[in-house]
Amino acid sequence: MAQFGLLYVGEPQFSSPEEGQANAAQYVAWLNGLGDAVVNRGIPMGPPTRVDASGVSSDPRADRLTGLTIVEADDMDAAIAIAKTCPYVDVAALDVVQIFEMNM
Protein backbone atom coordinates (compact mmCIF):
# COMPACT_ATOMS: atom_id res chain seq x y z
CA MET A 1 0.00 0.00 0.00
CA ALA A 2 1.06 3.55 -0.66
CA GLN A 3 1.12 6.36 1.86
CA PHE A 4 -0.76 9.60 1.36
CA GLY A 5 -0.74 12.89 3.19
CA LEU A 6 -4.05 14.57 3.94
CA LEU A 7 -2.98 18.20 4.18
CA TYR A 8 -5.34 20.45 6.12
CA VAL A 9 -5.58 23.80 4.34
CA GLY A 10 -7.00 26.95 5.87
CA GLU A 11 -8.46 27.67 9.26
CA PRO A 12 -12.07 26.65 9.80
CA GLN A 13 -14.46 29.38 10.92
CA PHE A 14 -17.31 28.27 13.15
CA SER A 15 -20.39 30.26 14.07
CA SER A 16 -20.09 29.20 17.71
CA PRO A 17 -17.78 27.28 20.06
CA GLU A 18 -20.38 24.51 20.14
CA GLU A 19 -20.23 24.14 16.35
CA GLY A 20 -16.44 23.86 16.57
CA GLN A 21 -16.69 21.24 19.32
CA ALA A 22 -19.23 19.23 17.33
CA ASN A 23 -16.96 19.27 14.26
CA ALA A 24 -13.98 18.22 16.41
CA ALA A 25 -15.99 15.30 17.83
CA GLN A 26 -16.98 14.23 14.30
CA TYR A 27 -13.33 14.48 13.25
CA VAL A 28 -12.14 12.25 16.11
CA ALA A 29 -14.85 9.69 15.32
CA TRP A 30 -13.83 9.76 11.64
CA LEU A 31 -10.16 9.34 12.51
CA ASN A 32 -10.88 6.46 14.88
CA GLY A 33 -13.00 4.82 12.20
CA LEU A 34 -10.09 4.69 9.75
CA GLY A 35 -8.48 1.90 11.78
CA ASP A 36 -5.25 0.49 10.36
CA ALA A 37 -5.28 2.91 7.43
CA VAL A 38 -3.90 5.60 9.74
CA VAL A 39 -0.10 5.84 9.77
CA ASN A 40 0.08 9.13 11.69
CA ARG A 41 -3.08 10.49 13.35
CA GLY A 42 -2.17 14.10 12.91
CA ILE A 43 0.44 16.79 13.06
CA PRO A 44 -1.05 20.22 13.85
CA MET A 45 0.91 23.18 12.49
CA GLY A 46 1.18 26.76 13.64
CA PRO A 47 1.44 29.84 11.43
CA PRO A 48 4.30 29.66 8.91
CA THR A 49 7.27 31.87 8.29
CA ARG A 50 8.15 31.77 4.61
CA VAL A 51 11.80 31.89 3.60
CA ASP A 52 12.71 32.42 -0.05
CA ALA A 53 15.24 34.26 -2.19
CA SER A 54 13.50 37.60 -1.57
CA GLY A 55 13.63 37.29 2.23
CA VAL A 56 11.52 36.19 5.16
CA SER A 57 7.79 36.80 5.62
CA SER A 58 5.26 35.94 8.30
CA ASP A 59 2.35 37.50 6.43
CA PRO A 60 -0.87 35.61 7.21
CA ARG A 61 -2.29 33.52 4.37
CA ALA A 62 -5.80 32.10 4.16
CA ASP A 63 -4.53 29.00 2.36
CA ARG A 64 -1.88 28.07 4.89
CA LEU A 65 -1.16 24.48 5.83
CA THR A 66 -2.63 23.84 9.29
CA GLY A 67 -1.98 20.12 9.73
CA LEU A 68 -1.22 16.73 8.25
CA THR A 69 -2.54 13.19 8.65
CA ILE A 70 -0.82 10.25 6.96
CA VAL A 71 -2.89 7.30 5.73
CA GLU A 72 -2.26 4.17 3.71
CA ALA A 73 -4.42 3.42 0.68
CA ASP A 74 -4.24 1.32 -2.46
CA ASP A 75 -3.99 4.35 -4.75
CA MET A 76 -4.80 8.05 -5.08
CA ASP A 77 -8.47 7.36 -5.77
CA ALA A 78 -8.76 5.39 -2.52
CA ALA A 79 -6.97 8.17 -0.61
CA ILE A 80 -9.34 10.74 -2.10
CA ALA A 81 -12.29 8.59 -1.05
CA ILE A 82 -10.94 8.67 2.52
CA ALA A 83 -10.46 12.45 2.36
CA LYS A 84 -14.01 13.02 1.11
CA THR A 85 -15.40 11.47 4.30
CA CYS A 86 -13.38 13.75 6.60
CA PRO A 87 -15.52 16.30 8.51
CA TYR A 88 -12.79 18.91 7.94
CA VAL A 89 -13.93 19.26 4.31
CA ASP A 90 -17.23 20.66 5.60
CA VAL A 91 -15.41 23.71 6.99
CA ALA A 92 -12.13 24.01 5.05
CA ALA A 93 -10.12 22.03 2.48
CA LEU A 94 -7.86 19.01 2.26
CA ASP A 95 -5.09 18.49 -0.26
CA VAL A 96 -4.24 14.83 -0.88
CA VAL A 97 -0.65 14.02 -1.87
CA GLN A 98 1.18 10.76 -2.32
CA ILE A 99 4.21 10.39 -0.09
CA PHE A 100 7.30 8.90 -1.69
CA GLU A 101 10.29 7.43 0.10
CA MET A 102 13.59 9.10 -0.71
CA ASN A 103 16.33 6.61 -1.41
CA MET A 104 19.43 8.71 -1.01
PDB file of N, CA and C in Angstrom:
ATOM      1  N   MET A   1       0.837  -1.189   0.000  1.00  0.00           N
ATOM      2  CA  MET A   1       0.000   0.000   0.000  1.00  0.00           C
ATOM      3  C   MET A   1       0.876   1.244   0.000  1.00  0.00           C
ATOM      4  N   ALA A   2       0.363   2.269  -0.606  1.00  0.00           N
ATOM      5  CA  ALA A   2       1.060   3.545  -0.663  1.00  0.00           C
ATOM      6  C   ALA A   2       0.627   4.424   0.517  1.00  0.00           C
ATOM      7  N   GLN A   3       1.466   5.397   0.820  1.00  0.00           N
ATOM      8  CA  GLN A   3       1.122   6.361   1.864  1.00  0.00           C
ATOM      9  C   GLN A   3       0.729   7.685   1.215  1.00  0.00           C
ATOM     10  N   PHE A   4      -0.253   8.331   1.853  1.00  0.00           N
ATOM     11  CA  PHE A   4      -0.762   9.600   1.355  1.00  0.00           C
ATOM     12  C   PHE A   4      -0.870  10.588   2.506  1.00  0.00           C
ATOM     13  N   GLY A   5      -0.559  11.835   2.220  1.00  0.00           N
ATOM     14  CA  GLY A   5      -0.740  12.894   3.193  1.00  0.00           C
ATOM     15  C   GLY A   5      -2.060  13.592   2.939  1.00  0.00           C
ATOM     16  N   LEU A   6      -2.843  13.736   3.990  1.00  0.00           N
ATOM     17  CA  LEU A   6      -4.047  14.567   3.937  1.00  0.00           C
ATOM     18  C   LEU A   6      -3.634  15.892   4.562  1.00  0.00           C
ATOM     19  N   LEU A   7      -3.478  16.903   3.738  1.00  0.00           N
ATOM     20  CA  LEU A   7      -2.978  18.196   4.179  1.00  0.00           C
ATOM     21  C   LEU A   7      -4.154  19.117   4.472  1.00  0.00           C
ATOM     22  N   TYR A   8      -4.244  19.574   5.705  1.00  0.00           N
ATOM     23  CA  TYR A   8      -5.340  20.454   6.119  1.00  0.00           C
ATOM     24  C   TYR A   8      -4.987  21.881   5.716  1.00  0.00           C
ATOM     25  N   VAL A   9      -5.837  22.481   4.896  1.00  0.00           N
ATOM     26  CA  VAL A   9      -5.575  23.797   4.337  1.00  0.00           C
ATOM     27  C   VAL A   9      -6.599  24.788   4.860  1.00  0.00           C
ATOM     28  N   GLY A  10      -6.113  25.904   5.382  1.00  0.00           N
ATOM     29  CA  GLY A  10      -6.998  26.946   5.868  1.00  0.00           C
ATOM     30  C   GLY A  10      -7.399  26.724   7.317  1.00  0.00           C
ATOM     31  N   GLU A  11      -8.009  27.743   7.872  1.00  0.00           N
ATOM     32  CA  GLU A  11      -8.460  27.672   9.260  1.00  0.00           C
ATOM     33  C   GLU A  11      -9.977  27.739   9.287  1.00  0.00           C
ATOM     34  N   PRO A  12     -10.610  26.671   9.769  1.00  0.00           N
ATOM     35  CA  PRO A  12     -12.075  26.651   9.804  1.00  0.00           C
ATOM     36  C   PRO A  12     -12.632  27.799  10.639  1.00  0.00           C
ATOM     37  N   GLN A  13     -13.738  28.344  10.188  1.00  0.00           N
ATOM     38  CA  GLN A  13     -14.457  29.376  10.920  1.00  0.00           C
ATOM     39  C   GLN A  13     -15.800  28.794  11.342  1.00  0.00           C
ATOM     40  N   PHE A  14     -16.063  28.807  12.623  1.00  0.00           N
ATOM     41  CA  PHE A  14     -17.310  28.272  13.147  1.00  0.00           C
ATOM     42  C   PHE A  14     -18.167  29.404  13.678  1.00  0.00           C
ATOM     43  N   SER A  15     -19.474  29.209  13.609  1.00  0.00           N
ATOM     44  CA  SER A  15     -20.391  30.257  14.075  1.00  0.00           C
ATOM     45  C   SER A  15     -20.495  30.299  15.593  1.00  0.00           C
ATOM     46  N   SER A  16     -20.052  29.233  16.250  1.00  0.00           N
ATOM     47  CA  SER A  16     -20.085  29.205  17.714  1.00  0.00           C
ATOM     48  C   SER A  16     -19.063  28.187  18.219  1.00  0.00           C
ATOM     49  N   PRO A  17     -18.667  28.294  19.492  1.00  0.00           N
ATOM     50  CA  PRO A  17     -17.778  27.284  20.055  1.00  0.00           C
ATOM     51  C   PRO A  17     -18.392  25.881  20.005  1.00  0.00           C
ATOM     52  N   GLU A  18     -19.696  25.805  20.174  1.00  0.00           N
ATOM     53  CA  GLU A  18     -20.381  24.509  20.136  1.00  0.00           C
ATOM     54  C   GLU A  18     -20.264  23.856  18.754  1.00  0.00           C
ATOM     55  N   GLU A  19     -20.377  24.669  17.709  1.00  0.00           N
ATOM     56  CA  GLU A  19     -20.230  24.144  16.352  1.00  0.00           C
ATOM     57  C   GLU A  19     -18.813  23.600  16.153  1.00  0.00           C
ATOM     58  N   GLY A  20     -17.820  24.317  16.651  1.00  0.00           N
ATOM     59  CA  GLY A  20     -16.439  23.861  16.566  1.00  0.00           C
ATOM     60  C   GLY A  20     -16.227  22.568  17.335  1.00  0.00           C
ATOM     61  N   GLN A  21     -16.811  22.456  18.519  1.00  0.00           N
ATOM     62  CA  GLN A  21     -16.685  21.244  19.318  1.00  0.00           C
ATOM     63  C   GLN A  21     -17.371  20.063  18.638  1.00  0.00           C
ATOM     64  N   ALA A  22     -18.512  20.301  18.031  1.00  0.00           N
ATOM     65  CA  ALA A  22     -19.231  19.234  17.325  1.00  0.00           C
ATOM     66  C   ALA A  22     -18.404  18.739  16.137  1.00  0.00           C
ATOM     67  N   ASN A  23     -17.782  19.669  15.390  1.00  0.00           N
ATOM     68  CA  ASN A  23     -16.955  19.273  14.263  1.00  0.00           C
ATOM     69  C   ASN A  23     -15.734  18.494  14.754  1.00  0.00           C
ATOM     70  N   ALA A  24     -15.142  18.925  15.857  1.00  0.00           N
ATOM     71  CA  ALA A  24     -13.982  18.219  16.414  1.00  0.00           C
ATOM     72  C   ALA A  24     -14.358  16.797  16.834  1.00  0.00           C
ATOM     73  N   ALA A  25     -15.536  16.629  17.425  1.00  0.00           N
ATOM     74  CA  ALA A  25     -15.990  15.295  17.829  1.00  0.00           C
ATOM     75  C   ALA A  25     -16.214  14.410  16.598  1.00  0.00           C
ATOM     76  N   GLN A  26     -16.783  14.981  15.547  1.00  0.00           N
ATOM     77  CA  GLN A  26     -16.984  14.225  14.301  1.00  0.00           C
ATOM     78  C   GLN A  26     -15.632  13.834  13.706  1.00  0.00           C
ATOM     79  N   TYR A  27     -14.670  14.745  13.778  1.00  0.00           N
ATOM     80  CA  TYR A  27     -13.335  14.478  13.246  1.00  0.00           C
ATOM     81  C   TYR A  27     -12.671  13.319  13.992  1.00  0.00           C
ATOM     82  N   VAL A  28     -12.738  13.322  15.314  1.00  0.00           N
ATOM     83  CA  VAL A  28     -12.138  12.250  16.112  1.00  0.00           C
ATOM     84  C   VAL A  28     -12.807  10.917  15.792  1.00  0.00           C
ATOM     85  N   ALA A  29     -14.128  10.919  15.670  1.00  0.00           N
ATOM     86  CA  ALA A  29     -14.845   9.688  15.320  1.00  0.00           C
ATOM     87  C   ALA A  29     -14.423   9.199  13.939  1.00  0.00           C
ATOM     88  N   TRP A  30     -14.280  10.119  12.990  1.00  0.00           N
ATOM     89  CA  TRP A  30     -13.828   9.760  11.644  1.00  0.00           C
ATOM     90  C   TRP A  30     -12.434   9.151  11.693  1.00  0.00           C
ATOM     91  N   LEU A  31     -11.534   9.807  12.401  1.00  0.00           N
ATOM     92  CA  LEU A  31     -10.156   9.341  12.508  1.00  0.00           C
ATOM     93  C   LEU A  31     -10.096   7.962  13.150  1.00  0.00           C
ATOM     94  N   ASN A  32     -10.848   7.767  14.221  1.00  0.00           N
ATOM     95  CA  ASN A  32     -10.879   6.461  14.884  1.00  0.00           C
ATOM     96  C   ASN A  32     -11.451   5.388  13.957  1.00  0.00           C
ATOM     97  N   GLY A  33     -12.380   5.766  13.107  1.00  0.00           N
ATOM     98  CA  GLY A  33     -13.004   4.819  12.198  1.00  0.00           C
ATOM     99  C   GLY A  33     -12.112   4.376  11.044  1.00  0.00           C
ATOM    100  N   LEU A  34     -10.998   5.068  10.834  1.00  0.00           N
ATOM    101  CA  LEU A  34     -10.088   4.693   9.750  1.00  0.00           C
ATOM    102  C   LEU A  34      -9.262   3.459  10.087  1.00  0.00           C
ATOM    103  N   GLY A  35      -9.179   3.118  11.363  1.00  0.00           N
ATOM    104  CA  GLY A  35      -8.479   1.905  11.775  1.00  0.00           C
ATOM    105  C   GLY A  35      -7.029   1.856  11.338  1.00  0.00           C
ATOM    106  N   ASP A  36      -6.637   0.723  10.744  1.00  0.00           N
ATOM    107  CA  ASP A  36      -5.249   0.490  10.364  1.00  0.00           C
ATOM    108  C   ASP A  36      -4.779   1.343   9.192  1.00  0.00           C
ATOM    109  N   ALA A  37      -5.683   2.043   8.531  1.00  0.00           N
ATOM    110  CA  ALA A  37      -5.278   2.910   7.425  1.00  0.00           C
ATOM    111  C   ALA A  37      -4.468   4.105   7.914  1.00  0.00           C
ATOM    112  N   VAL A  38      -4.592   4.439   9.197  1.00  0.00           N
ATOM    113  CA  VAL A  38      -3.898   5.602   9.741  1.00  0.00           C
ATOM    114  C   VAL A  38      -2.447   5.248  10.075  1.00  0.00           C
ATOM    115  N   VAL A  39      -1.527   5.989   9.477  1.00  0.00           N
ATOM    116  CA  VAL A  39      -0.100   5.837   9.769  1.00  0.00           C
ATOM    117  C   VAL A  39       0.303   6.834  10.842  1.00  0.00           C
ATOM    118  N   ASN A  40      -0.177   8.075  10.711  1.00  0.00           N
ATOM    119  CA  ASN A  40       0.082   9.135  11.691  1.00  0.00           C
ATOM    120  C   ASN A  40      -1.220   9.906  11.859  1.00  0.00           C
ATOM    121  N   ARG A  41      -1.764   9.908  13.081  1.00  0.00           N
ATOM    122  CA  ARG A  41      -3.082  10.492  13.349  1.00  0.00           C
ATOM    123  C   ARG A  41      -3.160  11.980  13.040  1.00  0.00           C
ATOM    124  N   GLY A  42      -2.095  12.682  13.215  1.00  0.00           N
ATOM    125  CA  GLY A  42      -2.168  14.100  12.911  1.00  0.00           C
ATOM    126  C   GLY A  42      -0.996  14.884  13.452  1.00  0.00           C
ATOM    127  N   ILE A  43      -0.624  15.882  12.682  1.00  0.00           N
ATOM    128  CA  ILE A  43       0.445  16.791  13.057  1.00  0.00           C
ATOM    129  C   ILE A  43      -0.109  18.204  12.889  1.00  0.00           C
ATOM    130  N   PRO A  44      -0.579  18.837  13.973  1.00  0.00           N
ATOM    131  CA  PRO A  44      -1.053  20.218  13.854  1.00  0.00           C
ATOM    132  C   PRO A  44       0.123  21.160  13.582  1.00  0.00           C
ATOM    133  N   MET A  45      -0.138  22.232  12.855  1.00  0.00           N
ATOM    134  CA  MET A  45       0.910  23.179  12.488  1.00  0.00           C
ATOM    135  C   MET A  45       0.488  24.600  12.801  1.00  0.00           C
ATOM    136  N   GLY A  46       1.415  25.360  13.350  1.00  0.00           N
ATOM    137  CA  GLY A  46       1.182  26.764  13.637  1.00  0.00           C
ATOM    138  C   GLY A  46       1.400  27.623  12.397  1.00  0.00           C
ATOM    139  N   PRO A  47       1.256  28.925  12.560  1.00  0.00           N
ATOM    140  CA  PRO A  47       1.444  29.843  11.429  1.00  0.00           C
ATOM    141  C   PRO A  47       2.863  29.745  10.862  1.00  0.00           C
ATOM    142  N   PRO A  48       2.986  29.819   9.536  1.00  0.00           N
ATOM    143  CA  PRO A  48       4.297  29.661   8.911  1.00  0.00           C
ATOM    144  C   PRO A  48       5.089  30.962   8.822  1.00  0.00           C
ATOM    145  N   THR A  49       6.372  30.798   8.699  1.00  0.00           N
ATOM    146  CA  THR A  49       7.268  31.869   8.288  1.00  0.00           C
ATOM    147  C   THR A  49       7.888  31.408   6.980  1.00  0.00           C
ATOM    148  N   ARG A  50       7.651  32.155   5.921  1.00  0.00           N
ATOM    149  CA  ARG A  50       8.151  31.769   4.606  1.00  0.00           C
ATOM    150  C   ARG A  50       9.544  32.346   4.391  1.00  0.00           C
ATOM    151  N   VAL A  51      10.442  31.491   3.931  1.00  0.00           N
ATOM    152  CA  VAL A  51      11.803  31.893   3.601  1.00  0.00           C
ATOM    153  C   VAL A  51      12.021  31.589   2.125  1.00  0.00           C
ATOM    154  N   ASP A  52      12.391  32.621   1.363  1.00  0.00           N
ATOM    155  CA  ASP A  52      12.712  32.421  -0.047  1.00  0.00           C
ATOM    156  C   ASP A  52      13.807  33.405  -0.445  1.00  0.00           C
ATOM    157  N   ALA A  53      14.131  33.430  -1.717  1.00  0.00           N
ATOM    158  CA  ALA A  53      15.236  34.256  -2.189  1.00  0.00           C
ATOM    159  C   ALA A  53      15.021  35.747  -1.922  1.00  0.00           C
ATOM    160  N   SER A  54      13.768  36.178  -1.796  1.00  0.00           N
ATOM    161  CA  SER A  54      13.503  37.597  -1.570  1.00  0.00           C
ATOM    162  C   SER A  54      13.491  37.972  -0.083  1.00  0.00           C
ATOM    163  N   GLY A  55      13.586  36.980   0.798  1.00  0.00           N
ATOM    164  CA  GLY A  55      13.631  37.286   2.227  1.00  0.00           C
ATOM    165  C   GLY A  55      12.753  36.377   3.053  1.00  0.00           C
ATOM    166  N   VAL A  56      12.320  36.927   4.187  1.00  0.00           N
ATOM    167  CA  VAL A  56      11.522  36.189   5.161  1.00  0.00           C
ATOM    168  C   VAL A  56      10.216  36.930   5.385  1.00  0.00           C
ATOM    169  N   SER A  57       9.100  36.183   5.431  1.00  0.00           N
ATOM    170  CA  SER A  57       7.791  36.803   5.618  1.00  0.00           C
ATOM    171  C   SER A  57       6.924  35.951   6.529  1.00  0.00           C
ATOM    172  N   SER A  58       6.239  36.606   7.443  1.00  0.00           N
ATOM    173  CA  SER A  58       5.262  35.941   8.304  1.00  0.00           C
ATOM    174  C   SER A  58       3.857  36.446   8.015  1.00  0.00           C
ATOM    175  N   ASP A  59       3.671  36.982   6.811  1.00  0.00           N
ATOM    176  CA  ASP A  59       2.354  37.498   6.434  1.00  0.00           C
ATOM    177  C   ASP A  59       1.318  36.378   6.513  1.00  0.00           C
ATOM    178  N   PRO A  60       0.164  36.651   7.126  1.00  0.00           N
ATOM    179  CA  PRO A  60      -0.872  35.615   7.212  1.00  0.00           C
ATOM    180  C   PRO A  60      -1.427  35.275   5.832  1.00  0.00           C
ATOM    181  N   ARG A  61      -1.722  33.979   5.629  1.00  0.00           N
ATOM    182  CA  ARG A  61      -2.287  33.519   4.367  1.00  0.00           C
ATOM    183  C   ARG A  61      -3.502  32.652   4.671  1.00  0.00           C
ATOM    184  N   ALA A  62      -4.577  32.871   3.943  1.00  0.00           N
ATOM    185  CA  ALA A  62      -5.803  32.100   4.162  1.00  0.00           C
ATOM    186  C   ALA A  62      -5.629  30.644   3.762  1.00  0.00           C
ATOM    187  N   ASP A  63      -4.708  30.362   2.853  1.00  0.00           N
ATOM    188  CA  ASP A  63      -4.534  29.000   2.356  1.00  0.00           C
ATOM    189  C   ASP A  63      -3.371  28.269   3.031  1.00  0.00           C
ATOM    190  N   ARG A  64      -3.039  28.673   4.225  1.00  0.00           N
ATOM    191  CA  ARG A  64      -1.881  28.068   4.888  1.00  0.00           C
ATOM    192  C   ARG A  64      -2.156  26.630   5.303  1.00  0.00           C
ATOM    193  N   LEU A  65      -1.092  25.860   5.372  1.00  0.00           N
ATOM    194  CA  LEU A  65      -1.159  24.484   5.830  1.00  0.00           C
ATOM    195  C   LEU A  65      -1.319  24.492   7.345  1.00  0.00           C
ATOM    196  N   THR A  66      -2.373  23.826   7.850  1.00  0.00           N
ATOM    197  CA  THR A  66      -2.628  23.840   9.293  1.00  0.00           C
ATOM    198  C   THR A  66      -2.421  22.479   9.949  1.00  0.00           C
ATOM    199  N   GLY A  67      -2.215  21.437   9.140  1.00  0.00           N
ATOM    200  CA  GLY A  67      -1.980  20.124   9.726  1.00  0.00           C
ATOM    201  C   GLY A  67      -1.800  19.055   8.670  1.00  0.00           C
ATOM    202  N   LEU A  68      -1.502  17.848   9.132  1.00  0.00           N
ATOM    203  CA  LEU A  68      -1.220  16.728   8.250  1.00  0.00           C
ATOM    204  C   LEU A  68      -1.616  15.432   8.936  1.00  0.00           C
ATOM    205  N   THR A  69      -2.283  14.568   8.222  1.00  0.00           N
ATOM    206  CA  THR A  69      -2.539  13.194   8.646  1.00  0.00           C
ATOM    207  C   THR A  69      -1.999  12.289   7.553  1.00  0.00           C
ATOM    208  N   ILE A  70      -1.355  11.193   7.928  1.00  0.00           N
ATOM    209  CA  ILE A  70      -0.817  10.254   6.956  1.00  0.00           C
ATOM    210  C   ILE A  70      -1.628   8.964   7.012  1.00  0.00           C
ATOM    211  N   VAL A  71      -2.092   8.529   5.834  1.00  0.00           N
ATOM    212  CA  VAL A  71      -2.887   7.301   5.729  1.00  0.00           C
ATOM    213  C   VAL A  71      -2.264   6.384   4.673  1.00  0.00           C
ATOM    214  N   GLU A  72      -2.627   5.126   4.749  1.00  0.00           N
ATOM    215  CA  GLU A  72      -2.264   4.170   3.711  1.00  0.00           C
ATOM    216  C   GLU A  72      -3.509   3.861   2.893  1.00  0.00           C
ATOM    217  N   ALA A  73      -3.319   3.756   1.588  1.00  0.00           N
ATOM    218  CA  ALA A  73      -4.417   3.421   0.684  1.00  0.00           C
ATOM    219  C   ALA A  73      -3.835   2.737  -0.544  1.00  0.00           C
ATOM    220  N   ASP A  74      -4.688   2.035  -1.272  1.00  0.00           N
ATOM    221  CA  ASP A  74      -4.238   1.315  -2.464  1.00  0.00           C
ATOM    222  C   ASP A  74      -3.716   2.250  -3.546  1.00  0.00           C
ATOM    223  N   ASP A  75      -4.375   3.415  -3.703  1.00  0.00           N
ATOM    224  CA  ASP A  75      -3.992   4.353  -4.753  1.00  0.00           C
ATOM    225  C   ASP A  75      -4.581   5.730  -4.432  1.00  0.00           C
ATOM    226  N   MET A  76      -4.314   6.683  -5.301  1.00  0.00           N
ATOM    227  CA  MET A  76      -4.795   8.051  -5.081  1.00  0.00           C
ATOM    228  C   MET A  76      -6.317   8.102  -4.990  1.00  0.00           C
ATOM    229  N   ASP A  77      -7.010   7.347  -5.818  1.00  0.00           N
ATOM    230  CA  ASP A  77      -8.474   7.355  -5.768  1.00  0.00           C
ATOM    231  C   ASP A  77      -8.985   6.894  -4.404  1.00  0.00           C
ATOM    232  N   ALA A  78      -8.358   5.878  -3.846  1.00  0.00           N
ATOM    233  CA  ALA A  78      -8.763   5.388  -2.525  1.00  0.00           C
ATOM    234  C   ALA A  78      -8.444   6.424  -1.451  1.00  0.00           C
ATOM    235  N   ALA A  79      -7.325   7.119  -1.576  1.00  0.00           N
ATOM    236  CA  ALA A  79      -6.972   8.168  -0.612  1.00  0.00           C
ATOM    237  C   ALA A  79      -7.956   9.338  -0.699  1.00  0.00           C
ATOM    238  N   ILE A  80      -8.353   9.673  -1.918  1.00  0.00           N
ATOM    239  CA  ILE A  80      -9.344  10.744  -2.101  1.00  0.00           C
ATOM    240  C   ILE A  80     -10.679  10.333  -1.495  1.00  0.00           C
ATOM    241  N   ALA A  81     -11.047   9.081  -1.649  1.00  0.00           N
ATOM    242  CA  ALA A  81     -12.294   8.594  -1.048  1.00  0.00           C
ATOM    243  C   ALA A  81     -12.248   8.747   0.468  1.00  0.00           C
ATOM    244  N   ILE A  82     -11.101   8.468   1.073  1.00  0.00           N
ATOM    245  CA  ILE A  82     -10.942   8.667   2.521  1.00  0.00           C
ATOM    246  C   ILE A  82     -11.104  10.145   2.854  1.00  0.00           C
ATOM    247  N   ALA A  83     -10.420  11.009   2.102  1.00  0.00           N
ATOM    248  CA  ALA A  83     -10.464  12.449   2.362  1.00  0.00           C
ATOM    249  C   ALA A  83     -11.877  13.011   2.257  1.00  0.00           C
ATOM    250  N   LYS A  84     -12.654  12.517   1.298  1.00  0.00           N
ATOM    251  CA  LYS A  84     -14.010  13.024   1.105  1.00  0.00           C
ATOM    252  C   LYS A  84     -14.905  12.779   2.311  1.00  0.00           C
ATOM    253  N   THR A  85     -14.567  11.784   3.131  1.00  0.00           N
ATOM    254  CA  THR A  85     -15.398  11.475   4.298  1.00  0.00           C
ATOM    255  C   THR A  85     -14.969  12.236   5.544  1.00  0.00           C
ATOM    256  N   CYS A  86     -13.891  13.011   5.448  1.00  0.00           N
ATOM    257  CA  CYS A  86     -13.378  13.752   6.605  1.00  0.00           C
ATOM    258  C   CYS A  86     -14.268  14.972   6.902  1.00  0.00           C
ATOM    259  N   PRO A  87     -14.691  15.146   8.152  1.00  0.00           N
ATOM    260  CA  PRO A  87     -15.522  16.296   8.509  1.00  0.00           C
ATOM    261  C   PRO A  87     -14.840  17.652   8.278  1.00  0.00           C
ATOM    262  N   TYR A  88     -13.520  17.662   8.185  1.00  0.00           N
ATOM    263  CA  TYR A  88     -12.789  18.911   7.937  1.00  0.00           C
ATOM    264  C   TYR A  88     -13.211  19.534   6.608  1.00  0.00           C
ATOM    265  N   VAL A  89     -13.564  18.708   5.625  1.00  0.00           N
ATOM    266  CA  VAL A  89     -13.930  19.258   4.314  1.00  0.00           C
ATOM    267  C   VAL A  89     -15.256  20.021   4.358  1.00  0.00           C
ATOM    268  N   ASP A  90     -16.002  19.880   5.443  1.00  0.00           N
ATOM    269  CA  ASP A  90     -17.230  20.656   5.601  1.00  0.00           C
ATOM    270  C   ASP A  90     -16.940  22.102   5.980  1.00  0.00           C
ATOM    271  N   VAL A  91     -15.722  22.369   6.482  1.00  0.00           N
ATOM    272  CA  VAL A  91     -15.409  23.707   6.992  1.00  0.00           C
ATOM    273  C   VAL A  91     -14.146  24.317   6.395  1.00  0.00           C
ATOM    274  N   ALA A  92     -13.352  23.524   5.692  1.00  0.00           N
ATOM    275  CA  ALA A  92     -12.127  24.014   5.050  1.00  0.00           C
ATOM    276  C   ALA A  92     -11.790  23.042   3.924  1.00  0.00           C
ATOM    277  N   ALA A  93     -10.507  22.879   3.613  1.00  0.00           N
ATOM    278  CA  ALA A  93     -10.125  22.028   2.483  1.00  0.00           C
ATOM    279  C   ALA A  93      -9.017  21.061   2.872  1.00  0.00           C
ATOM    280  N   LEU A  94      -8.957  19.966   2.140  1.00  0.00           N
ATOM    281  CA  LEU A  94      -7.863  19.006   2.263  1.00  0.00           C
ATOM    282  C   LEU A  94      -7.179  18.884   0.911  1.00  0.00           C
ATOM    283  N   ASP A  95      -5.859  18.877   0.912  1.00  0.00           N
ATOM    284  CA  ASP A  95      -5.095  18.487  -0.261  1.00  0.00           C
ATOM    285  C   ASP A  95      -4.622  17.065  -0.005  1.00  0.00           C
ATOM    286  N   VAL A  96      -4.699  16.205  -1.007  1.00  0.00           N
ATOM    287  CA  VAL A  96      -4.239  14.828  -0.884  1.00  0.00           C
ATOM    288  C   VAL A  96      -2.994  14.679  -1.751  1.00  0.00           C
ATOM    289  N   VAL A  97      -1.907  14.212  -1.148  1.00  0.00           N
ATOM    290  CA  VAL A  97      -0.655  14.025  -1.870  1.00  0.00           C
ATOM    291  C   VAL A  97      -0.093  12.645  -1.570  1.00  0.00           C
ATOM    292  N   GLN A  98       0.504  12.021  -2.580  1.00  0.00           N
ATOM    293  CA  GLN A  98       1.179  10.760  -2.323  1.00  0.00           C
ATOM    294  C   GLN A  98       2.535  11.063  -1.716  1.00  0.00           C
ATOM    295  N   ILE A  99       2.928  10.245  -0.764  1.00  0.00           N
ATOM    296  CA  ILE A  99       4.213  10.393  -0.092  1.00  0.00           C
ATOM    297  C   ILE A  99       5.161   9.344  -0.670  1.00  0.00           C
ATOM    298  N   PHE A 100       6.303   9.797  -1.105  1.00  0.00           N
ATOM    299  CA  PHE A 100       7.298   8.902  -1.687  1.00  0.00           C
ATOM    300  C   PHE A 100       8.498   8.792  -0.752  1.00  0.00           C
ATOM    301  N   GLU A 101       9.095   7.630  -0.704  1.00  0.00           N
ATOM    302  CA  GLU A 101      10.292   7.435   0.099  1.00  0.00           C
ATOM    303  C   GLU A 101      11.494   7.884  -0.707  1.00  0.00           C
ATOM    304  N   MET A 102      12.367   8.647  -0.055  1.00  0.00           N
ATOM    305  CA  MET A 102      13.587   9.095  -0.713  1.00  0.00           C
ATOM    306  C   MET A 102      14.687   8.071  -0.469  1.00  0.00           C
ATOM    307  N   ASN A 103      15.228   7.562  -1.528  1.00  0.00           N
ATOM    308  CA  ASN A 103      16.331   6.614  -1.414  1.00  0.00           C
ATOM    309  C   ASN A 103      17.614   7.341  -1.775  1.00  0.00           C
ATOM    310  N   MET A 104      18.218   7.905  -0.774  1.00  0.00           N
ATOM    311  CA  MET A 104      19.426   8.706  -1.012  1.00  0.00           C
ATOM    312  C   MET A 104      20.634   8.021  -0.422  1.00  0.00           C
TER     313      MET A 104
END
